[in-house]
């Protein structure tokens, strides 16, 4: 009866610092397009990484720990947007109808991502993962925990809505 090493008992866990360094920029970018705020994006990404770090032995052993962190970022971004909407409405009432400007993106990008944030939550998340991070339908399905067909449907519906809202004609077969 021999003693088993830790590497035989559990899958190898990637070093958190290496994971963080590799994924940080992508997480901030995802949070940015979903929240519309560069400063909030950095905080959202940090919160998601902190949550992963607290349970890194478990999260780091996942096949795709980045998918877990992306899901946390998307959930936190959705909550932050809801919170900001409430705060903005309150500020607007106080300021007699004036709303603060929160966009820091170039105008053409800001218009697009603003329209994305107005989509239903899951459609916006799928669009951000597909166009910002250039992820495949299969990769997105794995991240959000749904079927590939569902991701395709969300992309299709989002594209139609965005084309209509932005006054862009969809390409045939898109």
N, C-alpha and C. Protein backbone atom coordinates (compact mmCIF):
# COMPACT_ATOMS: atom_id res chain seq x y z
N UNK A 1 0.85 -1.17 0.00
CA UNK A 1 0.00 0.00 0.00
C UNK A 1 0.89 1.23 0.00
N UNK A 2 0.95 1.95 -1.10
CA UNK A 2 1.80 3.13 -1.22
C UNK A 2 1.03 4.41 -0.94
N UNK A 3 1.75 5.44 -0.68
CA UNK A 3 1.15 6.75 -0.45
C UNK A 3 1.05 7.45 -1.79
N UNK A 4 -0.14 7.99 -2.08
CA UNK A 4 -0.35 8.70 -3.36
C UNK A 4 0.02 10.16 -3.18
N UNK A 5 0.65 10.69 -4.19
CA UNK A 5 1.01 12.12 -4.15
C UNK A 5 -0.23 12.95 -4.44
N UNK A 6 -0.16 14.22 -4.08
CA UNK A 6 -1.29 15.14 -4.31
C UNK A 6 -1.62 15.24 -5.79
N UNK A 7 -0.62 15.14 -6.65
CA UNK A 7 -0.88 15.26 -8.09
C UNK A 7 -1.64 14.05 -8.63
N UNK A 8 -1.58 12.91 -7.95
CA UNK A 8 -2.33 11.74 -8.37
C UNK A 8 -3.78 11.81 -7.89
N UNK A 9 -4.03 12.56 -6.84
CA UNK A 9 -5.35 12.62 -6.24
C UNK A 9 -6.23 13.65 -6.94
N UNK A 10 -5.68 14.79 -7.22
CA UNK A 10 -6.47 15.88 -7.80
C UNK A 10 -5.80 16.38 -9.08
N UNK A 11 -6.59 16.94 -10.00
CA UNK A 11 -5.99 17.50 -11.21
C UNK A 11 -5.08 18.67 -10.86
N UNK A 12 -4.11 18.92 -11.72
CA UNK A 12 -3.18 20.03 -11.49
C UNK A 12 -3.94 21.35 -11.54
N UNK A 13 -3.60 22.23 -10.62
CA UNK A 13 -4.22 23.54 -10.55
C UNK A 13 -3.22 24.57 -11.05
N UNK A 14 -3.64 25.34 -12.03
CA UNK A 14 -2.79 26.39 -12.59
C UNK A 14 -2.48 27.43 -11.51
N UNK A 15 -1.32 28.01 -11.58
CA UNK A 15 -0.94 29.08 -10.68
C UNK A 15 -1.89 30.26 -10.87
N UNK A 16 -2.48 30.75 -9.78
CA UNK A 16 -3.45 31.83 -9.87
C UNK A 16 -2.85 33.08 -10.50
N UNK A 17 -1.62 33.44 -10.11
CA UNK A 17 -0.99 34.65 -10.65
C UNK A 17 -0.86 34.58 -12.17
N UNK A 18 -0.50 33.40 -12.69
CA UNK A 18 -0.39 33.25 -14.15
C UNK A 18 -1.76 33.36 -14.80
N UNK A 19 -2.76 32.74 -14.19
CA UNK A 19 -4.13 32.83 -14.70
C UNK A 19 -4.59 34.28 -14.72
N UNK A 20 -4.38 34.97 -13.63
CA UNK A 20 -4.78 36.38 -13.50
C UNK A 20 -4.11 37.23 -14.58
N UNK A 21 -2.81 37.07 -14.72
CA UNK A 21 -2.07 37.86 -15.71
C UNK A 21 -2.58 37.60 -17.13
N UNK A 22 -2.92 36.36 -17.43
CA UNK A 22 -3.38 36.00 -18.77
C UNK A 22 -4.80 36.50 -19.04
N UNK A 23 -5.67 36.47 -18.05
CA UNK A 23 -7.09 36.73 -18.25
C UNK A 23 -7.56 38.14 -17.87
N UNK A 24 -6.76 38.89 -17.14
CA UNK A 24 -7.22 40.16 -16.58
C UNK A 24 -7.75 41.13 -17.65
N UNK A 25 -6.98 41.37 -18.69
CA UNK A 25 -7.39 42.35 -19.71
C UNK A 25 -8.72 41.95 -20.37
N UNK A 26 -8.88 40.67 -20.65
CA UNK A 26 -10.13 40.21 -21.27
C UNK A 26 -11.31 40.39 -20.33
N UNK A 27 -11.11 40.15 -19.05
CA UNK A 27 -12.20 40.30 -18.08
C UNK A 27 -12.60 41.76 -17.93
N UNK A 28 -11.62 42.65 -17.90
CA UNK A 28 -11.93 44.08 -17.80
C UNK A 28 -12.67 44.54 -19.05
N UNK A 29 -12.23 44.08 -20.21
CA UNK A 29 -12.90 44.47 -21.46
C UNK A 29 -14.34 43.97 -21.49
N UNK A 30 -14.56 42.73 -21.04
CA UNK A 30 -15.92 42.19 -21.00
C UNK A 30 -16.78 43.01 -20.05
N UNK A 31 -16.26 43.31 -18.88
CA UNK A 31 -17.01 44.11 -17.91
C UNK A 31 -17.28 45.51 -18.44
N UNK A 32 -16.33 46.05 -19.19
CA UNK A 32 -16.46 47.41 -19.74
C UNK A 32 -17.62 47.49 -20.73
N UNK A 33 -17.66 46.54 -21.67
CA UNK A 33 -18.73 46.63 -22.68
C UNK A 33 -20.09 46.31 -22.08
N UNK A 34 -20.12 45.50 -21.03
CA UNK A 34 -21.40 45.18 -20.41
C UNK A 34 -21.86 46.25 -19.43
N UNK A 35 -20.92 46.96 -18.82
CA UNK A 35 -21.29 47.97 -17.82
C UNK A 35 -21.27 49.38 -18.38
N UNK A 36 -20.44 49.64 -19.40
CA UNK A 36 -20.33 50.97 -19.98
C UNK A 36 -19.41 51.90 -19.21
N UNK A 37 -18.73 51.39 -18.20
CA UNK A 37 -17.86 52.24 -17.38
C UNK A 37 -16.51 51.57 -17.20
N UNK A 38 -15.46 52.28 -17.60
CA UNK A 38 -14.10 51.75 -17.47
C UNK A 38 -13.76 51.50 -16.01
N UNK A 39 -14.13 52.46 -15.15
CA UNK A 39 -13.79 52.33 -13.73
C UNK A 39 -14.58 51.20 -13.08
N UNK A 40 -15.82 51.11 -13.40
CA UNK A 40 -16.62 50.00 -12.85
C UNK A 40 -16.10 48.67 -13.38
N UNK A 41 -15.66 48.64 -14.63
CA UNK A 41 -15.16 47.40 -15.23
C UNK A 41 -13.96 46.86 -14.45
N UNK A 42 -13.06 47.74 -14.09
CA UNK A 42 -11.89 47.30 -13.32
C UNK A 42 -12.31 46.72 -11.98
N UNK A 43 -13.26 47.37 -11.32
CA UNK A 43 -13.75 46.88 -10.04
C UNK A 43 -14.47 45.53 -10.20
N UNK A 44 -15.29 45.42 -11.23
CA UNK A 44 -16.03 44.18 -11.47
C UNK A 44 -15.07 43.02 -11.73
N UNK A 45 -14.07 43.27 -12.55
CA UNK A 45 -13.08 42.22 -12.83
C UNK A 45 -12.33 41.83 -11.56
N UNK A 46 -11.94 42.82 -10.78
CA UNK A 46 -11.22 42.53 -9.53
C UNK A 46 -12.09 41.70 -8.59
N UNK A 47 -13.37 42.04 -8.48
CA UNK A 47 -14.27 41.29 -7.60
C UNK A 47 -14.40 39.84 -8.07
N UNK A 48 -14.49 39.65 -9.39
CA UNK A 48 -14.60 38.29 -9.92
C UNK A 48 -13.33 37.50 -9.66
N UNK A 49 -12.18 38.12 -9.85
CA UNK A 49 -10.92 37.43 -9.57
C UNK A 49 -10.75 37.14 -8.08
N UNK A 50 -11.20 38.05 -7.25
CA UNK A 50 -11.13 37.82 -5.80
C UNK A 50 -11.99 36.61 -5.42
N UNK A 51 -13.17 36.51 -5.99
CA UNK A 51 -14.04 35.36 -5.73
C UNK A 51 -13.35 34.07 -6.18
N UNK A 52 -12.69 34.10 -7.32
CA UNK A 52 -11.98 32.92 -7.82
C UNK A 52 -10.80 32.59 -6.91
N UNK A 53 -10.08 33.62 -6.49
CA UNK A 53 -8.90 33.41 -5.64
C UNK A 53 -9.28 32.76 -4.32
N UNK A 54 -10.40 33.16 -3.76
CA UNK A 54 -10.86 32.61 -2.47
C UNK A 54 -11.07 31.09 -2.55
N UNK A 55 -11.46 30.61 -3.72
CA UNK A 55 -11.74 29.18 -3.89
C UNK A 55 -10.86 28.60 -5.00
N UNK A 56 -9.63 29.10 -5.12
CA UNK A 56 -8.79 28.75 -6.26
C UNK A 56 -8.50 27.26 -6.37
N UNK A 57 -8.38 26.55 -5.26
CA UNK A 57 -8.11 25.11 -5.37
C UNK A 57 -9.23 24.42 -6.13
N UNK A 58 -10.45 24.85 -5.92
CA UNK A 58 -11.59 24.26 -6.64
C UNK A 58 -11.72 24.85 -8.03
N UNK A 59 -11.74 26.19 -8.14
CA UNK A 59 -11.94 26.87 -9.42
C UNK A 59 -10.78 26.58 -10.38
N UNK A 60 -9.56 26.61 -9.85
CA UNK A 60 -8.37 26.37 -10.68
C UNK A 60 -8.31 24.97 -11.26
N UNK A 61 -9.01 24.03 -10.64
CA UNK A 61 -9.02 22.65 -11.15
C UNK A 61 -10.04 22.45 -12.26
N UNK A 62 -10.92 23.44 -12.51
CA UNK A 62 -11.88 23.33 -13.61
C UNK A 62 -11.15 23.25 -14.94
N UNK A 63 -11.80 22.65 -15.92
CA UNK A 63 -11.22 22.61 -17.26
C UNK A 63 -11.04 24.02 -17.81
N UNK A 64 -12.00 24.89 -17.50
CA UNK A 64 -11.97 26.26 -18.01
C UNK A 64 -12.29 27.23 -16.87
N UNK A 65 -11.32 27.51 -16.02
CA UNK A 65 -11.59 28.46 -14.92
C UNK A 65 -11.96 29.85 -15.42
N UNK A 66 -11.48 30.20 -16.61
CA UNK A 66 -11.83 31.49 -17.20
C UNK A 66 -13.32 31.62 -17.47
N UNK A 67 -13.96 30.51 -17.80
CA UNK A 67 -15.41 30.53 -18.04
C UNK A 67 -16.14 30.86 -16.74
N UNK A 68 -15.66 30.32 -15.64
CA UNK A 68 -16.29 30.60 -14.34
C UNK A 68 -16.14 32.09 -14.00
N UNK A 69 -14.95 32.62 -14.20
CA UNK A 69 -14.72 34.03 -13.88
C UNK A 69 -15.53 34.92 -14.82
N UNK A 70 -15.64 34.56 -16.09
CA UNK A 70 -16.46 35.34 -17.03
C UNK A 70 -17.92 35.37 -16.58
N UNK A 71 -18.43 34.24 -16.10
CA UNK A 71 -19.81 34.20 -15.63
C UNK A 71 -19.99 35.14 -14.44
N UNK A 72 -19.01 35.15 -13.53
CA UNK A 72 -19.08 36.05 -12.38
C UNK A 72 -19.06 37.51 -12.86
N UNK A 73 -18.19 37.82 -13.82
CA UNK A 73 -18.11 39.18 -14.37
C UNK A 73 -19.45 39.57 -14.98
N UNK A 74 -20.04 38.67 -15.77
CA UNK A 74 -21.32 38.99 -16.42
C UNK A 74 -22.42 39.22 -15.39
N UNK A 75 -22.46 38.39 -14.35
CA UNK A 75 -23.47 38.58 -13.31
C UNK A 75 -23.27 39.88 -12.56
N UNK A 76 -22.03 40.18 -12.21
CA UNK A 76 -21.74 41.42 -11.49
C UNK A 76 -22.01 42.64 -12.36
N UNK A 77 -21.71 42.55 -13.67
CA UNK A 77 -21.97 43.67 -14.58
C UNK A 77 -23.47 43.93 -14.68
N UNK A 78 -24.25 42.86 -14.78
CA UNK A 78 -25.72 43.03 -14.85
C UNK A 78 -26.24 43.71 -13.59
N UNK A 79 -25.73 43.29 -12.44
CA UNK A 79 -26.14 43.92 -11.18
C UNK A 79 -25.71 45.37 -11.13
N UNK A 80 -24.49 45.64 -11.59
CA UNK A 80 -23.98 47.02 -11.57
C UNK A 80 -24.80 47.92 -12.48
N UNK A 81 -25.19 47.41 -13.65
CA UNK A 81 -25.99 48.22 -14.57
C UNK A 81 -27.36 48.52 -13.94
N UNK A 82 -27.96 47.52 -13.34
CA UNK A 82 -29.25 47.75 -12.67
C UNK A 82 -29.11 48.80 -11.57
N UNK A 83 -28.04 48.68 -10.79
CA UNK A 83 -27.80 49.65 -9.71
C UNK A 83 -27.58 51.04 -10.28
N UNK A 84 -26.79 51.13 -11.36
CA UNK A 84 -26.50 52.43 -11.96
C UNK A 84 -27.75 53.07 -12.55
N UNK A 85 -28.64 52.27 -13.10
CA UNK A 85 -29.89 52.81 -13.64
C UNK A 85 -30.70 53.47 -12.53
N UNK A 86 -30.80 52.77 -11.42
CA UNK A 86 -31.54 53.33 -10.27
C UNK A 86 -30.87 54.61 -9.78
N UNK A 87 -29.55 54.58 -9.65
CA UNK A 87 -28.83 55.77 -9.18
C UNK A 87 -28.96 56.93 -10.16
N UNK A 88 -28.88 56.63 -11.45
CA UNK A 88 -28.98 57.68 -12.47
C UNK A 88 -30.36 58.33 -12.44
N UNK A 89 -31.39 57.52 -12.28
CA UNK A 89 -32.74 58.08 -12.20
C UNK A 89 -32.87 58.99 -10.99
N UNK A 90 -32.30 58.58 -9.88
CA UNK A 90 -32.35 59.41 -8.67
C UNK A 90 -31.59 60.72 -8.88
N UNK A 91 -30.40 60.63 -9.48
CA UNK A 91 -29.62 61.84 -9.74
C UNK A 91 -30.34 62.76 -10.72
N UNK A 92 -30.97 62.17 -11.71
CA UNK A 92 -31.70 62.97 -12.70
C UNK A 92 -32.85 63.73 -12.04
N UNK A 93 -33.54 63.07 -11.13
CA UNK A 93 -34.62 63.76 -10.42
C UNK A 93 -34.07 64.91 -9.59
N UNK A 94 -32.96 64.67 -8.94
CA UNK A 94 -32.35 65.71 -8.11
C UNK A 94 -31.87 66.88 -8.97
N UNK A 95 -31.31 66.57 -10.11
CA UNK A 95 -30.74 67.60 -10.98
C UNK A 95 -31.77 68.15 -11.97
N UNK A 96 -33.04 67.93 -11.71
CA UNK A 96 -34.13 68.44 -12.56
C UNK A 96 -34.02 67.98 -14.00
N UNK A 97 -33.83 66.70 -14.16
CA UNK A 97 -33.88 66.13 -15.50
C UNK A 97 -32.55 65.97 -16.20
N UNK A 98 -31.47 66.44 -15.61
CA UNK A 98 -30.17 66.25 -16.26
C UNK A 98 -29.59 64.90 -15.84
N UNK A 99 -29.09 64.16 -16.81
CA UNK A 99 -28.47 62.87 -16.51
C UNK A 99 -26.97 62.96 -16.76
N UNK A 100 -26.17 62.31 -15.93
CA UNK A 100 -24.72 62.38 -16.11
C UNK A 100 -24.26 61.57 -17.31
N UNK A 101 -23.19 62.02 -17.95
CA UNK A 101 -22.59 61.32 -19.07
C UNK A 101 -21.61 60.29 -18.51
N UNK A 102 -21.85 59.00 -18.78
CA UNK A 102 -21.00 57.96 -18.22
C UNK A 102 -20.16 57.24 -19.27
N UNK A 103 -20.31 57.55 -20.54
CA UNK A 103 -19.56 56.86 -21.58
C UNK A 103 -18.16 57.44 -21.73
N UNK A 104 -17.17 56.54 -21.84
CA UNK A 104 -15.80 56.93 -22.08
C UNK A 104 -15.27 56.34 -23.38
N UNK A 105 -16.11 55.63 -24.10
CA UNK A 105 -15.71 54.97 -25.34
C UNK A 105 -15.79 55.95 -26.51
N UNK A 106 -15.07 55.66 -27.60
CA UNK A 106 -15.29 56.45 -28.81
C UNK A 106 -16.77 56.38 -29.17
N UNK A 107 -17.31 57.43 -29.72
CA UNK A 107 -18.76 57.53 -29.93
C UNK A 107 -19.33 56.36 -30.71
N UNK A 108 -18.66 55.93 -31.79
CA UNK A 108 -19.22 54.83 -32.58
C UNK A 108 -19.30 53.54 -31.76
N UNK A 109 -18.29 53.28 -30.94
CA UNK A 109 -18.33 52.10 -30.07
C UNK A 109 -19.35 52.30 -28.96
N UNK A 110 -19.39 53.49 -28.40
CA UNK A 110 -20.33 53.76 -27.30
C UNK A 110 -21.77 53.55 -27.75
N UNK A 111 -22.11 53.99 -28.96
CA UNK A 111 -23.47 53.81 -29.47
C UNK A 111 -23.82 52.32 -29.59
N UNK A 112 -22.89 51.56 -30.14
CA UNK A 112 -23.12 50.13 -30.30
C UNK A 112 -23.28 49.45 -28.95
N UNK A 113 -22.33 49.67 -28.03
CA UNK A 113 -22.38 48.98 -26.74
C UNK A 113 -23.54 49.49 -25.88
N UNK A 114 -23.93 50.72 -26.08
CA UNK A 114 -25.13 51.20 -25.38
C UNK A 114 -26.35 50.41 -25.85
N UNK A 115 -26.44 50.19 -27.16
CA UNK A 115 -27.54 49.40 -27.70
C UNK A 115 -27.47 47.95 -27.20
N UNK A 116 -26.26 47.42 -27.07
CA UNK A 116 -26.11 46.06 -26.55
C UNK A 116 -26.60 45.99 -25.11
N UNK A 117 -26.28 47.00 -24.30
CA UNK A 117 -26.73 47.00 -22.90
C UNK A 117 -28.25 47.11 -22.77
N UNK A 118 -28.92 47.59 -23.82
CA UNK A 118 -30.38 47.67 -23.80
C UNK A 118 -31.05 46.36 -24.21
N UNK A 119 -30.27 45.42 -24.71
CA UNK A 119 -30.81 44.11 -25.07
C UNK A 119 -31.18 43.35 -23.80
N UNK A 120 -32.00 42.31 -23.94
CA UNK A 120 -32.20 41.43 -22.78
C UNK A 120 -30.84 40.93 -22.28
N UNK A 121 -30.74 40.72 -20.99
CA UNK A 121 -29.46 40.40 -20.33
C UNK A 121 -28.66 39.33 -21.06
N UNK A 122 -29.25 38.18 -21.30
CA UNK A 122 -28.50 37.07 -21.90
C UNK A 122 -28.05 37.40 -23.32
N UNK A 123 -28.89 38.10 -24.10
CA UNK A 123 -28.48 38.49 -25.45
C UNK A 123 -27.27 39.41 -25.40
N UNK A 124 -27.28 40.37 -24.50
CA UNK A 124 -26.15 41.28 -24.36
C UNK A 124 -24.88 40.56 -23.98
N UNK A 125 -24.99 39.59 -23.08
CA UNK A 125 -23.82 38.83 -22.66
C UNK A 125 -23.26 38.02 -23.83
N UNK A 126 -24.14 37.39 -24.59
CA UNK A 126 -23.71 36.58 -25.73
C UNK A 126 -23.03 37.45 -26.79
N UNK A 127 -23.60 38.61 -27.07
CA UNK A 127 -23.00 39.53 -28.05
C UNK A 127 -21.61 39.98 -27.57
N UNK A 128 -21.49 40.32 -26.30
CA UNK A 128 -20.20 40.77 -25.77
C UNK A 128 -19.16 39.66 -25.88
N UNK A 129 -19.51 38.46 -25.50
CA UNK A 129 -18.56 37.36 -25.58
C UNK A 129 -18.17 37.05 -27.03
N UNK A 130 -19.15 37.13 -27.93
CA UNK A 130 -18.88 36.80 -29.33
C UNK A 130 -18.06 37.88 -30.04
N UNK A 131 -18.46 39.14 -29.90
CA UNK A 131 -17.81 40.20 -30.66
C UNK A 131 -16.63 40.83 -29.93
N UNK A 132 -16.66 40.93 -28.64
CA UNK A 132 -15.54 41.51 -27.92
C UNK A 132 -14.41 40.50 -27.78
N UNK A 133 -14.76 39.29 -27.36
CA UNK A 133 -13.72 38.30 -27.10
C UNK A 133 -13.52 37.32 -28.25
N UNK A 134 -14.33 37.45 -29.31
CA UNK A 134 -14.22 36.60 -30.49
C UNK A 134 -14.34 35.12 -30.14
N UNK A 135 -15.26 34.82 -29.22
CA UNK A 135 -15.47 33.43 -28.81
C UNK A 135 -16.46 32.76 -29.74
N UNK A 136 -16.28 31.47 -29.91
CA UNK A 136 -17.18 30.68 -30.75
C UNK A 136 -18.49 30.42 -30.01
N UNK A 137 -19.46 29.96 -30.75
CA UNK A 137 -20.75 29.60 -30.15
C UNK A 137 -20.54 28.52 -29.09
N UNK A 138 -19.70 27.53 -29.39
CA UNK A 138 -19.44 26.45 -28.44
C UNK A 138 -18.79 26.98 -27.16
N UNK A 139 -17.84 27.89 -27.32
CA UNK A 139 -17.18 28.45 -26.14
C UNK A 139 -18.16 29.26 -25.29
N UNK A 140 -19.02 30.03 -25.94
CA UNK A 140 -20.01 30.82 -25.22
C UNK A 140 -20.99 29.91 -24.49
N UNK A 141 -21.42 28.86 -25.16
CA UNK A 141 -22.35 27.90 -24.54
C UNK A 141 -21.74 27.30 -23.28
N UNK A 142 -20.45 26.99 -23.34
CA UNK A 142 -19.77 26.43 -22.17
C UNK A 142 -19.70 27.44 -21.03
N UNK A 143 -19.46 28.70 -21.37
CA UNK A 143 -19.33 29.74 -20.34
C UNK A 143 -20.66 30.00 -19.64
N UNK A 144 -21.72 30.12 -20.43
CA UNK A 144 -23.01 30.48 -19.81
C UNK A 144 -23.84 29.25 -19.44
N UNK A 145 -23.34 28.07 -19.76
CA UNK A 145 -24.01 26.85 -19.35
C UNK A 145 -25.31 26.58 -20.06
N UNK A 146 -25.30 26.72 -21.38
CA UNK A 146 -26.53 26.48 -22.15
C UNK A 146 -26.16 25.76 -23.44
N UNK A 147 -27.14 25.36 -24.20
CA UNK A 147 -26.92 24.65 -25.46
C UNK A 147 -26.43 25.62 -26.54
N UNK A 148 -25.68 25.10 -27.49
CA UNK A 148 -25.19 25.92 -28.59
C UNK A 148 -26.34 26.53 -29.39
N UNK A 149 -27.41 25.79 -29.56
CA UNK A 149 -28.57 26.31 -30.28
C UNK A 149 -29.17 27.52 -29.59
N UNK A 150 -29.14 27.51 -28.28
CA UNK A 150 -29.65 28.65 -27.52
C UNK A 150 -28.78 29.88 -27.75
N UNK A 151 -27.47 29.66 -27.77
CA UNK A 151 -26.54 30.77 -28.03
C UNK A 151 -26.79 31.33 -29.44
N UNK A 152 -26.96 30.45 -30.41
CA UNK A 152 -27.23 30.89 -31.79
C UNK A 152 -28.52 31.71 -31.84
N UNK A 153 -29.54 31.26 -31.12
CA UNK A 153 -30.82 31.99 -31.10
C UNK A 153 -30.63 33.37 -30.47
N UNK A 154 -29.89 33.44 -29.35
CA UNK A 154 -29.63 34.74 -28.72
C UNK A 154 -28.86 35.67 -29.68
N UNK A 155 -27.85 35.14 -30.36
CA UNK A 155 -27.10 35.96 -31.32
C UNK A 155 -27.99 36.45 -32.45
N UNK A 156 -28.81 35.55 -32.98
CA UNK A 156 -29.70 35.92 -34.08
C UNK A 156 -30.67 37.03 -33.64
N UNK A 157 -31.32 36.82 -32.51
CA UNK A 157 -32.28 37.81 -32.02
C UNK A 157 -31.60 39.14 -31.72
N UNK A 158 -30.42 39.07 -31.11
CA UNK A 158 -29.69 40.30 -30.77
C UNK A 158 -29.29 41.05 -32.04
N UNK A 159 -28.80 40.33 -33.04
CA UNK A 159 -28.40 40.98 -34.30
C UNK A 159 -29.59 41.68 -34.96
N UNK A 160 -30.73 41.02 -34.96
CA UNK A 160 -31.92 41.64 -35.56
C UNK A 160 -32.31 42.91 -34.80
N UNK A 161 -32.33 42.83 -33.49
CA UNK A 161 -32.70 43.98 -32.67
C UNK A 161 -31.69 45.11 -32.86
N UNK A 162 -30.40 44.79 -32.83
CA UNK A 162 -29.37 45.82 -32.99
C UNK A 162 -29.43 46.46 -34.38
N UNK A 163 -29.64 45.65 -35.41
CA UNK A 163 -29.73 46.20 -36.76
C UNK A 163 -30.89 47.18 -36.85
N UNK A 164 -32.00 46.82 -36.26
CA UNK A 164 -33.16 47.70 -36.27
C UNK A 164 -32.88 48.98 -35.48
N UNK A 165 -32.37 48.85 -34.28
CA UNK A 165 -32.13 50.01 -33.41
C UNK A 165 -31.04 50.93 -33.95
N UNK A 166 -30.04 50.35 -34.61
CA UNK A 166 -28.94 51.16 -35.11
C UNK A 166 -29.13 51.57 -36.56
N UNK A 167 -30.24 51.15 -37.17
CA UNK A 167 -30.52 51.52 -38.55
C UNK A 167 -29.57 50.89 -39.55
N UNK A 168 -29.17 49.65 -39.30
CA UNK A 168 -28.24 48.93 -40.15
C UNK A 168 -28.99 47.77 -40.77
N UNK A 169 -28.76 47.56 -42.07
CA UNK A 169 -29.39 46.42 -42.73
C UNK A 169 -28.54 45.20 -42.47
N UNK A 170 -29.19 44.08 -42.08
CA UNK A 170 -28.46 42.84 -41.86
C UNK A 170 -28.05 42.27 -43.19
N UNK A 171 -26.85 41.61 -43.19
CA UNK A 171 -26.40 40.92 -44.40
C UNK A 171 -27.17 39.63 -44.52
N UNK A 172 -27.41 39.21 -45.74
CA UNK A 172 -28.10 37.94 -45.98
C UNK A 172 -27.23 36.82 -45.44
N UNK A 173 -27.88 35.87 -44.75
CA UNK A 173 -27.16 34.70 -44.23
C UNK A 173 -26.42 34.97 -42.95
N UNK A 174 -26.54 36.18 -42.39
CA UNK A 174 -25.81 36.48 -41.16
C UNK A 174 -26.52 35.90 -39.96
